């Protein structure tokens, strides 16, 4: 069962290719300092319970836009891979009618990563920094968890289906730090990056 905080429709060139519908899920193991979706954190606000079938039926009206623009659905959050089994069920329903993307920190269990790798077309991965101390200070989590899962994901699907976000975090990282993180991630095989600066 999904817990859905919001469904944002007709997003153009945001969250992936073409016209997309962003499905924002509840729950996250991290507590990022400048989180844009704190209402997805457990215990703050509870989302609407939906089965994969109910979700598929609800977004079916958007199918013509997906088909015309090579768009589809993007799961975000929170941490959508907490619902990897449900996303897999959703993908079984939609088959190849449209693409399925995920915006994820990869801060989940390895079985969740493996399930997601089998049913998601493209991953937008938030690696805030490749410096363990900065990652810990910003997210409250351990960088090794995300990096190990990134390596696992690369081994399963290849790097061409993965884009990694590395922001400049005001007060915490600079453009030099950002490029240092990019260099580290390139050594893992990542070639696609989204580089930007947080507005805090």
N, C-alpha and C. Protein backbone atom coordinates (compact mmCIF):
# COMPACT_ATOMS: atom_id res chain seq x y z
N UNK A 1 0.84 -1.19 0.00
CA UNK A 1 0.00 0.00 0.00
C UNK A 1 0.89 1.25 0.00
N UNK A 2 0.65 2.13 -0.98
CA UNK A 2 1.34 3.42 -0.99
C UNK A 2 0.73 4.35 0.05
N UNK A 3 1.55 5.27 0.55
CA UNK A 3 1.04 6.48 1.21
C UNK A 3 1.46 7.65 0.35
N UNK A 4 0.49 8.29 -0.28
CA UNK A 4 0.75 9.36 -1.25
C UNK A 4 0.45 10.70 -0.62
N UNK A 5 1.46 11.58 -0.60
CA UNK A 5 1.28 12.92 -0.05
C UNK A 5 0.65 13.87 -1.07
N UNK A 6 1.04 13.68 -2.35
CA UNK A 6 0.53 14.58 -3.38
C UNK A 6 0.78 13.96 -4.75
N UNK A 7 -0.07 14.32 -5.71
CA UNK A 7 0.13 13.95 -7.11
C UNK A 7 0.12 15.25 -7.91
N UNK A 8 1.26 15.58 -8.50
CA UNK A 8 1.43 16.83 -9.24
C UNK A 8 1.49 16.52 -10.73
N UNK A 9 0.53 17.03 -11.48
CA UNK A 9 0.37 16.66 -12.89
C UNK A 9 0.94 17.69 -13.84
N UNK A 10 1.16 17.23 -15.08
CA UNK A 10 1.54 18.06 -16.23
C UNK A 10 2.78 18.90 -15.93
N UNK A 11 3.78 18.26 -15.43
CA UNK A 11 5.07 18.91 -15.18
C UNK A 11 5.93 18.74 -16.42
N UNK A 12 6.38 19.83 -16.99
CA UNK A 12 7.08 19.80 -18.27
C UNK A 12 8.57 20.02 -18.05
N UNK A 13 9.38 19.06 -18.50
CA UNK A 13 10.83 19.12 -18.39
C UNK A 13 11.28 19.30 -16.95
N UNK A 14 10.49 18.76 -16.03
CA UNK A 14 10.86 18.72 -14.62
C UNK A 14 10.72 17.26 -14.19
N UNK A 15 11.64 16.80 -13.40
CA UNK A 15 11.58 15.42 -12.90
C UNK A 15 11.74 14.39 -14.01
N UNK A 16 12.38 14.80 -15.11
CA UNK A 16 12.61 13.84 -16.17
C UNK A 16 12.08 14.28 -17.52
N UNK A 17 12.15 13.36 -18.46
CA UNK A 17 11.83 13.63 -19.87
C UNK A 17 10.33 13.79 -20.09
N UNK A 18 9.96 14.75 -20.98
CA UNK A 18 8.57 14.89 -21.41
C UNK A 18 7.65 15.42 -20.33
N UNK A 19 6.35 15.29 -20.56
CA UNK A 19 5.35 15.66 -19.56
C UNK A 19 5.30 14.55 -18.52
N UNK A 20 5.39 14.95 -17.25
CA UNK A 20 5.45 13.93 -16.20
C UNK A 20 4.46 14.23 -15.09
N UNK A 21 4.06 13.19 -14.43
CA UNK A 21 3.26 13.29 -13.21
C UNK A 21 4.15 12.87 -12.05
N UNK A 22 4.31 13.78 -11.09
CA UNK A 22 5.15 13.51 -9.92
C UNK A 22 4.28 12.96 -8.80
N UNK A 23 4.66 11.78 -8.31
CA UNK A 23 3.95 11.14 -7.21
C UNK A 23 4.82 11.24 -5.98
N UNK A 24 4.38 12.03 -5.01
CA UNK A 24 5.17 12.29 -3.81
C UNK A 24 4.72 11.34 -2.70
N UNK A 25 5.65 10.50 -2.26
CA UNK A 25 5.34 9.49 -1.26
C UNK A 25 5.75 9.93 0.14
N UNK A 26 5.13 9.30 1.13
CA UNK A 26 5.44 9.61 2.53
C UNK A 26 6.57 8.72 3.04
N UNK A 27 7.40 9.31 3.89
CA UNK A 27 8.42 8.53 4.59
C UNK A 27 9.82 8.78 4.07
N UNK A 28 10.78 8.93 4.99
CA UNK A 28 12.18 9.09 4.63
C UNK A 28 13.03 8.79 5.85
N UNK A 29 14.16 8.13 5.62
CA UNK A 29 15.07 7.80 6.72
C UNK A 29 16.04 8.93 7.03
N UNK A 30 16.16 9.90 6.13
CA UNK A 30 17.07 11.03 6.32
C UNK A 30 16.31 12.24 6.85
N UNK A 31 17.06 13.18 7.36
CA UNK A 31 16.48 14.44 7.85
C UNK A 31 17.34 15.60 7.33
N UNK A 32 17.26 15.82 6.04
CA UNK A 32 18.11 16.83 5.40
C UNK A 32 17.77 18.23 5.90
N UNK A 33 18.81 19.00 6.13
CA UNK A 33 18.66 20.30 6.77
C UNK A 33 17.75 21.23 5.99
N UNK A 34 17.87 21.26 4.67
CA UNK A 34 17.05 22.16 3.85
C UNK A 34 16.02 21.38 3.04
N UNK A 35 15.46 20.33 3.62
CA UNK A 35 14.48 19.50 2.92
C UNK A 35 13.31 20.34 2.43
N UNK A 36 12.96 20.14 1.14
CA UNK A 36 11.84 20.87 0.55
C UNK A 36 10.49 20.23 0.89
N UNK A 37 10.52 19.00 1.36
CA UNK A 37 9.27 18.26 1.60
C UNK A 37 9.23 17.67 3.00
N UNK A 38 9.40 18.51 4.00
CA UNK A 38 9.40 18.01 5.37
C UNK A 38 8.07 17.39 5.77
N UNK A 39 7.00 17.77 5.07
CA UNK A 39 5.71 17.18 5.40
C UNK A 39 5.62 15.72 5.00
N UNK A 40 6.64 15.22 4.27
CA UNK A 40 6.66 13.79 3.94
C UNK A 40 7.29 12.96 5.05
N UNK A 41 7.94 13.61 6.01
CA UNK A 41 8.59 12.87 7.07
C UNK A 41 7.55 12.13 7.90
N UNK A 42 7.88 10.95 8.35
CA UNK A 42 6.95 10.15 9.16
C UNK A 42 6.53 10.92 10.41
N UNK A 43 5.25 10.86 10.71
CA UNK A 43 4.75 11.43 11.94
C UNK A 43 4.35 12.89 11.84
N UNK A 44 4.71 13.58 10.75
CA UNK A 44 4.33 14.99 10.60
C UNK A 44 2.94 15.09 9.99
N UNK A 45 2.73 14.34 8.93
CA UNK A 45 1.46 14.38 8.23
C UNK A 45 1.34 13.06 7.47
N UNK A 46 0.16 12.49 7.47
CA UNK A 46 0.00 11.18 6.84
C UNK A 46 -0.67 11.30 5.49
N UNK A 47 -0.09 10.59 4.53
CA UNK A 47 -0.61 10.63 3.17
C UNK A 47 -1.81 9.73 2.96
N UNK A 48 -2.35 9.82 1.76
CA UNK A 48 -3.51 9.02 1.37
C UNK A 48 -3.07 7.61 1.02
N UNK A 49 -3.72 6.62 1.59
CA UNK A 49 -3.40 5.23 1.28
C UNK A 49 -3.97 4.87 -0.08
N UNK A 50 -3.14 4.27 -0.93
CA UNK A 50 -3.58 3.86 -2.26
C UNK A 50 -2.89 2.55 -2.63
N UNK A 51 -3.63 1.67 -3.27
CA UNK A 51 -3.01 0.49 -3.85
C UNK A 51 -2.36 0.88 -5.17
N UNK A 52 -1.51 0.01 -5.70
CA UNK A 52 -0.90 0.26 -7.01
C UNK A 52 -1.98 0.39 -8.07
N UNK A 53 -3.01 -0.42 -7.98
CA UNK A 53 -4.10 -0.37 -8.95
C UNK A 53 -4.86 0.95 -8.88
N UNK A 54 -5.13 1.43 -7.68
CA UNK A 54 -5.82 2.71 -7.52
C UNK A 54 -4.98 3.86 -8.06
N UNK A 55 -3.68 3.80 -7.80
CA UNK A 55 -2.80 4.85 -8.31
C UNK A 55 -2.76 4.82 -9.83
N UNK A 56 -2.65 3.65 -10.40
CA UNK A 56 -2.65 3.52 -11.86
C UNK A 56 -3.93 4.08 -12.46
N UNK A 57 -5.05 3.76 -11.87
CA UNK A 57 -6.33 4.28 -12.38
C UNK A 57 -6.38 5.81 -12.28
N UNK A 58 -5.84 6.35 -11.20
CA UNK A 58 -5.91 7.81 -11.00
C UNK A 58 -5.07 8.57 -12.01
N UNK A 59 -3.91 8.05 -12.36
CA UNK A 59 -3.05 8.79 -13.30
C UNK A 59 -3.32 8.42 -14.76
N UNK A 60 -4.28 7.54 -15.00
CA UNK A 60 -4.54 7.09 -16.38
C UNK A 60 -5.00 8.22 -17.30
N UNK A 61 -5.60 9.27 -16.73
CA UNK A 61 -6.01 10.41 -17.54
C UNK A 61 -4.83 11.13 -18.18
N UNK A 62 -3.65 10.97 -17.59
CA UNK A 62 -2.46 11.66 -18.09
C UNK A 62 -1.77 10.88 -19.22
N UNK A 63 -2.23 9.68 -19.49
CA UNK A 63 -1.57 8.82 -20.46
C UNK A 63 -1.38 9.48 -21.83
N UNK A 64 -2.37 10.20 -22.40
CA UNK A 64 -2.16 10.83 -23.71
C UNK A 64 -0.98 11.81 -23.73
N UNK A 65 -0.79 12.54 -22.62
CA UNK A 65 0.33 13.48 -22.54
C UNK A 65 1.65 12.73 -22.49
N UNK A 66 1.66 11.62 -21.76
CA UNK A 66 2.87 10.81 -21.69
C UNK A 66 3.24 10.27 -23.07
N UNK A 67 2.24 9.74 -23.75
CA UNK A 67 2.49 9.10 -25.05
C UNK A 67 2.98 10.11 -26.08
N UNK A 68 2.45 11.35 -26.01
CA UNK A 68 2.80 12.37 -27.00
C UNK A 68 4.18 12.96 -26.79
N UNK A 69 4.70 12.86 -25.56
CA UNK A 69 5.96 13.57 -25.23
C UNK A 69 7.06 12.64 -24.71
N UNK A 70 6.83 11.35 -24.75
CA UNK A 70 7.77 10.38 -24.17
C UNK A 70 7.94 10.63 -22.68
N UNK A 71 6.86 11.06 -22.06
CA UNK A 71 6.88 11.34 -20.63
C UNK A 71 6.45 10.15 -19.81
N UNK A 72 6.00 10.43 -18.58
CA UNK A 72 5.58 9.35 -17.71
C UNK A 72 5.46 9.79 -16.27
N UNK A 73 5.67 8.85 -15.39
CA UNK A 73 5.51 9.06 -13.96
C UNK A 73 6.88 9.12 -13.30
N UNK A 74 7.03 10.05 -12.35
CA UNK A 74 8.23 10.10 -11.51
C UNK A 74 7.80 9.94 -10.05
N UNK A 75 8.37 8.98 -9.38
CA UNK A 75 8.13 8.80 -7.95
C UNK A 75 9.16 9.60 -7.17
N UNK A 76 8.68 10.44 -6.26
CA UNK A 76 9.56 11.23 -5.41
C UNK A 76 9.09 11.16 -3.98
N UNK A 77 9.61 12.04 -3.16
CA UNK A 77 9.19 11.98 -1.76
C UNK A 77 9.75 13.12 -0.95
N UNK A 78 10.13 12.84 0.30
CA UNK A 78 10.29 11.56 0.89
C UNK A 78 11.24 10.64 0.11
N UNK A 79 11.17 9.39 0.45
CA UNK A 79 12.00 8.38 -0.20
C UNK A 79 11.11 7.33 -0.87
N UNK A 80 10.94 7.43 -2.19
CA UNK A 80 10.01 6.52 -2.87
C UNK A 80 10.43 5.07 -2.88
N UNK A 81 11.73 4.78 -2.74
CA UNK A 81 12.14 3.38 -2.80
C UNK A 81 11.77 2.61 -1.54
N UNK A 82 11.23 3.32 -0.52
CA UNK A 82 10.60 2.61 0.58
C UNK A 82 9.38 1.84 0.10
N UNK A 83 8.89 2.21 -1.09
CA UNK A 83 7.73 1.55 -1.70
C UNK A 83 8.16 0.77 -2.95
N UNK A 84 9.35 0.22 -2.94
CA UNK A 84 9.86 -0.46 -4.13
C UNK A 84 8.93 -1.59 -4.59
N UNK A 85 8.40 -2.37 -3.66
CA UNK A 85 7.50 -3.46 -4.03
C UNK A 85 6.23 -2.94 -4.69
N UNK A 86 5.70 -1.85 -4.16
CA UNK A 86 4.49 -1.26 -4.73
C UNK A 86 4.76 -0.64 -6.10
N UNK A 87 5.94 -0.03 -6.25
CA UNK A 87 6.31 0.52 -7.57
C UNK A 87 6.44 -0.59 -8.58
N UNK A 88 6.98 -1.72 -8.15
CA UNK A 88 7.09 -2.88 -9.03
C UNK A 88 5.71 -3.36 -9.47
N UNK A 89 4.76 -3.38 -8.54
CA UNK A 89 3.39 -3.76 -8.88
C UNK A 89 2.76 -2.75 -9.83
N UNK A 90 3.01 -1.47 -9.58
CA UNK A 90 2.50 -0.41 -10.45
C UNK A 90 3.07 -0.58 -11.86
N UNK A 91 4.37 -0.89 -11.94
CA UNK A 91 5.01 -1.07 -13.24
C UNK A 91 4.42 -2.26 -14.00
N UNK A 92 4.07 -3.30 -13.27
CA UNK A 92 3.44 -4.46 -13.91
C UNK A 92 2.11 -4.06 -14.55
N UNK A 93 1.39 -3.14 -13.90
CA UNK A 93 0.11 -2.69 -14.43
C UNK A 93 0.28 -1.82 -15.67
N UNK A 94 1.24 -0.89 -15.63
CA UNK A 94 1.41 0.03 -16.75
C UNK A 94 2.29 -0.53 -17.86
N UNK A 95 3.02 -1.61 -17.53
CA UNK A 95 3.92 -2.26 -18.49
C UNK A 95 4.82 -1.21 -19.14
N UNK A 96 4.80 -1.09 -20.46
CA UNK A 96 5.66 -0.12 -21.14
C UNK A 96 4.85 1.01 -21.79
N UNK A 97 3.69 1.31 -21.23
CA UNK A 97 2.86 2.39 -21.77
C UNK A 97 3.55 3.74 -21.63
N UNK A 98 4.31 3.90 -20.55
CA UNK A 98 5.03 5.15 -20.29
C UNK A 98 6.19 4.85 -19.37
N UNK A 99 7.10 5.79 -19.26
CA UNK A 99 8.30 5.57 -18.46
C UNK A 99 8.03 5.81 -16.98
N UNK A 100 8.82 5.14 -16.17
CA UNK A 100 8.74 5.28 -14.72
C UNK A 100 10.12 5.69 -14.21
N UNK A 101 10.19 6.87 -13.59
CA UNK A 101 11.43 7.41 -13.03
C UNK A 101 11.31 7.45 -11.51
N UNK A 102 12.44 7.62 -10.84
CA UNK A 102 12.43 7.81 -9.39
C UNK A 102 13.48 8.83 -8.99
N UNK A 103 13.11 9.72 -8.08
CA UNK A 103 14.04 10.64 -7.43
C UNK A 103 14.32 10.08 -6.04
N UNK A 104 15.55 9.69 -5.77
CA UNK A 104 15.86 8.92 -4.58
C UNK A 104 17.21 9.30 -3.98
N UNK A 105 17.31 9.14 -2.67
CA UNK A 105 18.60 9.28 -1.99
C UNK A 105 19.36 7.95 -1.98
N UNK A 106 18.68 6.86 -2.34
CA UNK A 106 19.21 5.49 -2.23
C UNK A 106 19.52 5.11 -0.78
N UNK A 107 18.92 5.82 0.16
CA UNK A 107 19.14 5.50 1.57
C UNK A 107 18.07 4.50 2.02
N UNK A 108 18.18 3.29 1.46
CA UNK A 108 17.21 2.23 1.70
C UNK A 108 17.96 0.90 1.76
N UNK A 109 17.22 -0.18 1.94
CA UNK A 109 17.85 -1.50 2.00
C UNK A 109 18.30 -1.94 0.60
N UNK A 110 19.26 -2.83 0.56
CA UNK A 110 19.72 -3.37 -0.72
C UNK A 110 18.62 -4.11 -1.47
N UNK A 111 17.78 -4.92 -0.80
CA UNK A 111 16.66 -5.54 -1.54
C UNK A 111 15.75 -4.52 -2.22
N UNK A 112 15.53 -3.38 -1.58
CA UNK A 112 14.71 -2.33 -2.20
C UNK A 112 15.38 -1.79 -3.46
N UNK A 113 16.70 -1.61 -3.41
CA UNK A 113 17.44 -1.14 -4.58
C UNK A 113 17.32 -2.15 -5.72
N UNK A 114 17.47 -3.42 -5.41
CA UNK A 114 17.40 -4.47 -6.44
C UNK A 114 16.01 -4.53 -7.07
N UNK A 115 14.98 -4.42 -6.23
CA UNK A 115 13.62 -4.41 -6.78
C UNK A 115 13.41 -3.20 -7.66
N UNK A 116 13.84 -2.04 -7.20
CA UNK A 116 13.69 -0.81 -7.99
C UNK A 116 14.44 -0.90 -9.31
N UNK A 117 15.62 -1.50 -9.28
CA UNK A 117 16.42 -1.63 -10.50
C UNK A 117 15.70 -2.45 -11.56
N UNK A 118 14.83 -3.33 -11.14
CA UNK A 118 14.13 -4.21 -12.08
C UNK A 118 12.91 -3.57 -12.72
N UNK A 119 12.44 -2.43 -12.17
CA UNK A 119 11.17 -1.88 -12.66
C UNK A 119 11.19 -0.39 -12.96
N UNK A 120 12.28 0.30 -12.66
CA UNK A 120 12.35 1.75 -12.89
C UNK A 120 13.29 2.03 -14.05
N UNK A 121 12.87 2.91 -14.94
CA UNK A 121 13.63 3.19 -16.16
C UNK A 121 14.83 4.11 -15.94
N UNK A 122 14.68 5.05 -15.02
CA UNK A 122 15.73 6.06 -14.85
C UNK A 122 15.71 6.54 -13.41
N UNK A 123 16.91 6.74 -12.85
CA UNK A 123 17.05 7.18 -11.47
C UNK A 123 17.70 8.56 -11.41
N UNK A 124 17.10 9.45 -10.63
CA UNK A 124 17.70 10.74 -10.30
C UNK A 124 18.10 10.64 -8.83
N UNK A 125 19.40 10.55 -8.60
CA UNK A 125 19.91 10.21 -7.27
C UNK A 125 20.48 11.45 -6.59
N UNK A 126 19.98 11.73 -5.39
CA UNK A 126 20.47 12.85 -4.61
C UNK A 126 21.64 12.40 -3.73
N UNK A 127 22.83 12.73 -4.16
CA UNK A 127 24.02 12.55 -3.31
C UNK A 127 24.46 13.96 -2.94
N UNK A 128 24.14 14.37 -1.77
CA UNK A 128 24.35 15.77 -1.40
C UNK A 128 25.82 16.17 -1.44
N UNK A 129 26.67 15.24 -1.04
CA UNK A 129 28.12 15.46 -1.03
C UNK A 129 28.80 14.12 -0.92
N UNK A 130 29.95 13.98 -1.55
CA UNK A 130 30.74 12.76 -1.43
C UNK A 130 31.74 12.85 -0.28
N UNK A 131 31.60 13.87 0.54
CA UNK A 131 32.39 14.01 1.76
C UNK A 131 31.56 13.44 2.91
N UNK A 132 32.02 12.37 3.56
CA UNK A 132 31.21 11.73 4.61
C UNK A 132 30.79 12.67 5.74
N UNK A 133 31.68 13.60 6.12
CA UNK A 133 31.36 14.52 7.22
C UNK A 133 30.26 15.49 6.82
N UNK A 134 30.34 16.01 5.60
CA UNK A 134 29.30 16.93 5.12
C UNK A 134 27.98 16.19 4.97
N UNK A 135 28.03 14.98 4.40
CA UNK A 135 26.81 14.20 4.22
C UNK A 135 26.13 13.96 5.57
N UNK A 136 26.91 13.59 6.56
CA UNK A 136 26.37 13.33 7.90
C UNK A 136 25.76 14.59 8.50
N UNK A 137 26.48 15.71 8.37
CA UNK A 137 26.00 16.96 8.95
C UNK A 137 24.72 17.44 8.27
N UNK A 138 24.61 17.20 6.97
CA UNK A 138 23.45 17.70 6.23
C UNK A 138 22.25 16.77 6.32
N UNK A 139 22.48 15.45 6.23
CA UNK A 139 21.36 14.51 6.13
C UNK A 139 21.07 13.75 7.43
N UNK A 140 22.07 13.66 8.31
CA UNK A 140 21.94 12.83 9.50
C UNK A 140 22.25 11.37 9.24
N UNK A 141 22.57 11.02 7.99
CA UNK A 141 22.84 9.64 7.62
C UNK A 141 24.31 9.39 7.33
N UNK A 142 24.61 8.16 6.98
CA UNK A 142 25.98 7.74 6.67
C UNK A 142 26.15 7.64 5.15
N UNK A 143 27.13 8.35 4.62
CA UNK A 143 27.37 8.37 3.18
C UNK A 143 27.59 6.96 2.63
N UNK A 144 28.23 6.10 3.38
CA UNK A 144 28.56 4.76 2.89
C UNK A 144 27.32 3.99 2.45
N UNK A 145 26.19 4.21 3.11
CA UNK A 145 24.95 3.51 2.74
C UNK A 145 24.54 3.91 1.33
N UNK A 146 24.52 5.21 1.06
CA UNK A 146 24.12 5.71 -0.26
C UNK A 146 25.12 5.29 -1.34
N UNK A 147 26.41 5.37 -1.04
CA UNK A 147 27.43 5.03 -2.03
C UNK A 147 27.42 3.54 -2.34
N UNK A 148 27.27 2.71 -1.32
CA UNK A 148 27.20 1.27 -1.56
C UNK A 148 26.00 0.93 -2.43
N UNK A 149 24.88 1.58 -2.17
CA UNK A 149 23.68 1.33 -2.98
C UNK A 149 23.83 1.90 -4.39
N UNK A 150 24.55 2.99 -4.53
CA UNK A 150 24.81 3.54 -5.86
C UNK A 150 25.67 2.55 -6.66
N UNK A 151 26.68 2.00 -6.04
CA UNK A 151 27.51 1.00 -6.71
C UNK A 151 26.68 -0.22 -7.13
N UNK A 152 25.78 -0.64 -6.24
CA UNK A 152 24.91 -1.77 -6.55
C UNK A 152 24.01 -1.45 -7.73
N UNK A 153 23.44 -0.25 -7.73
CA UNK A 153 22.55 0.15 -8.82
C UNK A 153 23.30 0.20 -10.15
N UNK A 154 24.51 0.75 -10.14
CA UNK A 154 25.33 0.79 -11.35
C UNK A 154 25.59 -0.62 -11.86
N UNK A 155 25.88 -1.54 -10.95
CA UNK A 155 26.18 -2.91 -11.36
C UNK A 155 24.95 -3.59 -11.97
N UNK A 156 23.76 -3.16 -11.55
CA UNK A 156 22.53 -3.78 -12.04
C UNK A 156 22.05 -3.20 -13.36
N UNK A 157 22.13 -1.88 -13.53
CA UNK A 157 21.51 -1.25 -14.70
C UNK A 157 22.47 -0.41 -15.54
N UNK A 158 23.70 -0.21 -15.08
CA UNK A 158 24.64 0.65 -15.80
C UNK A 158 24.45 2.11 -15.42
N UNK A 159 25.45 2.92 -15.70
CA UNK A 159 25.41 4.33 -15.28
C UNK A 159 24.58 5.21 -16.19
N UNK A 160 24.28 4.76 -17.42
CA UNK A 160 23.57 5.62 -18.36
C UNK A 160 22.13 5.89 -17.93
N UNK A 161 21.59 5.09 -17.04
CA UNK A 161 20.23 5.29 -16.55
C UNK A 161 20.19 6.01 -15.21
N UNK A 162 21.32 6.59 -14.83
CA UNK A 162 21.43 7.24 -13.53
C UNK A 162 21.95 8.67 -13.71
N UNK A 163 21.25 9.63 -13.13
CA UNK A 163 21.72 11.01 -13.06
C UNK A 163 21.88 11.36 -11.58
N UNK A 164 23.01 11.94 -11.22
CA UNK A 164 23.28 12.24 -9.82
C UNK A 164 23.25 13.75 -9.58
N UNK A 165 22.50 14.14 -8.58
CA UNK A 165 22.41 15.55 -8.18
C UNK A 165 23.46 15.84 -7.11
N UNK A 166 24.26 16.86 -7.37
CA UNK A 166 25.26 17.29 -6.39
C UNK A 166 25.13 18.81 -6.25
N UNK A 167 24.44 19.28 -5.22
CA UNK A 167 24.25 20.72 -5.06
C UNK A 167 25.41 21.40 -4.34
N UNK A 168 25.50 22.69 -4.53
CA UNK A 168 26.28 23.53 -3.61
C UNK A 168 25.32 23.89 -2.48
N UNK A 169 25.72 23.60 -1.25
CA UNK A 169 24.87 23.84 -0.09
C UNK A 169 25.41 25.07 0.64
N UNK A 170 24.73 26.20 0.59
CA UNK A 170 25.24 27.41 1.23
C UNK A 170 25.59 27.18 2.70
N UNK A 171 26.78 27.63 3.07
CA UNK A 171 27.23 27.46 4.44
C UNK A 171 27.87 26.12 4.73
N UNK A 172 27.81 25.21 3.73
CA UNK A 172 28.36 23.87 3.96
C UNK A 172 29.32 23.44 2.87
N UNK A 173 29.01 23.74 1.61
CA UNK A 173 29.90 23.35 0.51
C UNK A 173 30.06 24.50 -0.47
N UNK A 174 31.15 24.46 -1.22
CA UNK A 174 31.46 25.46 -2.23
C UNK A 174 31.51 24.79 -3.60
N UNK A 175 31.79 25.58 -4.63
CA UNK A 175 31.93 25.00 -5.97
C UNK A 175 33.13 24.05 -6.03
N UNK A 176 34.16 24.33 -5.24
CA UNK A 176 35.32 23.44 -5.18
C UNK A 176 34.91 22.09 -4.58
N UNK A 177 34.13 22.14 -3.50
CA UNK A 177 33.64 20.91 -2.87
C UNK A 177 32.75 20.13 -3.84
N UNK A 178 31.93 20.86 -4.56
CA UNK A 178 31.03 20.22 -5.53
C UNK A 178 31.83 19.45 -6.58
N UNK A 179 32.86 20.08 -7.11
CA UNK A 179 33.68 19.44 -8.13
C UNK A 179 34.47 18.26 -7.56
N UNK A 180 34.85 18.36 -6.30
CA UNK A 180 35.52 17.24 -5.65
C UNK A 180 34.58 16.03 -5.56
N UNK A 181 33.32 16.28 -5.22
CA UNK A 181 32.33 15.21 -5.16
C UNK A 181 32.10 14.61 -6.54
N UNK A 182 32.03 15.45 -7.55
CA UNK A 182 31.84 14.98 -8.92
C UNK A 182 33.00 14.07 -9.33
N UNK A 183 34.21 14.46 -8.99
CA UNK A 183 35.38 13.65 -9.34
C UNK A 183 35.32 12.27 -8.70
N UNK A 184 34.90 12.23 -7.44
CA UNK A 184 34.78 10.95 -6.74
C UNK A 184 33.72 10.08 -7.40
N UNK A 185 32.59 10.68 -7.74
CA UNK A 185 31.48 9.92 -8.33
C UNK A 185 31.80 9.46 -9.76
N UNK A 186 32.58 10.24 -10.47
CA UNK A 186 33.01 9.82 -11.82
C UNK A 186 33.84 8.54 -11.75
N UNK A 187 34.62 8.40 -10.69
CA UNK A 187 35.44 7.20 -10.54
C UNK A 187 34.58 5.95 -10.33
N UNK A 188 33.33 6.16 -9.89
CA UNK A 188 32.40 5.04 -9.75
C UNK A 188 31.73 4.70 -11.08
N UNK A 189 31.89 5.59 -12.06
CA UNK A 189 31.29 5.35 -13.37
C UNK A 189 30.16 6.30 -13.72
N UNK A 190 29.81 7.21 -12.82
CA UNK A 190 28.73 8.16 -13.11
C UNK A 190 29.20 9.19 -14.14
N UNK A 191 28.36 9.43 -15.14
CA UNK A 191 28.69 10.40 -16.20
C UNK A 191 27.67 11.52 -16.31
N UNK A 192 26.50 11.35 -15.70
CA UNK A 192 25.43 12.35 -15.82
C UNK A 192 25.21 13.01 -14.47
N UNK A 193 25.30 14.34 -14.46
CA UNK A 193 25.18 15.10 -13.21
C UNK A 193 24.20 16.25 -13.37
N UNK A 194 23.54 16.59 -12.28
CA UNK A 194 22.74 17.80 -12.15
C UNK A 194 23.42 18.65 -11.09
N UNK A 195 24.09 19.72 -11.52
CA UNK A 195 24.84 20.59 -10.61
C UNK A 195 24.11 21.91 -10.46
N UNK A 196 23.88 22.31 -9.24
CA UNK A 196 23.12 23.54 -8.98
C UNK A 196 23.43 24.03 -7.57
N UNK A 197 22.82 25.13 -7.18
CA UNK A 197 23.01 25.68 -5.83
C UNK A 197 21.67 25.76 -5.13
N UNK A 198 21.61 25.25 -3.90
CA UNK A 198 20.37 25.37 -3.12
C UNK A 198 20.09 26.83 -2.83
N UNK A 199 18.81 27.24 -2.93
CA UNK A 199 18.39 28.53 -2.41
C UNK A 199 17.78 28.31 -1.06
N UNK A 200 18.46 28.75 -0.02
CA UNK A 200 18.04 28.45 1.34
C UNK A 200 17.40 29.68 1.98
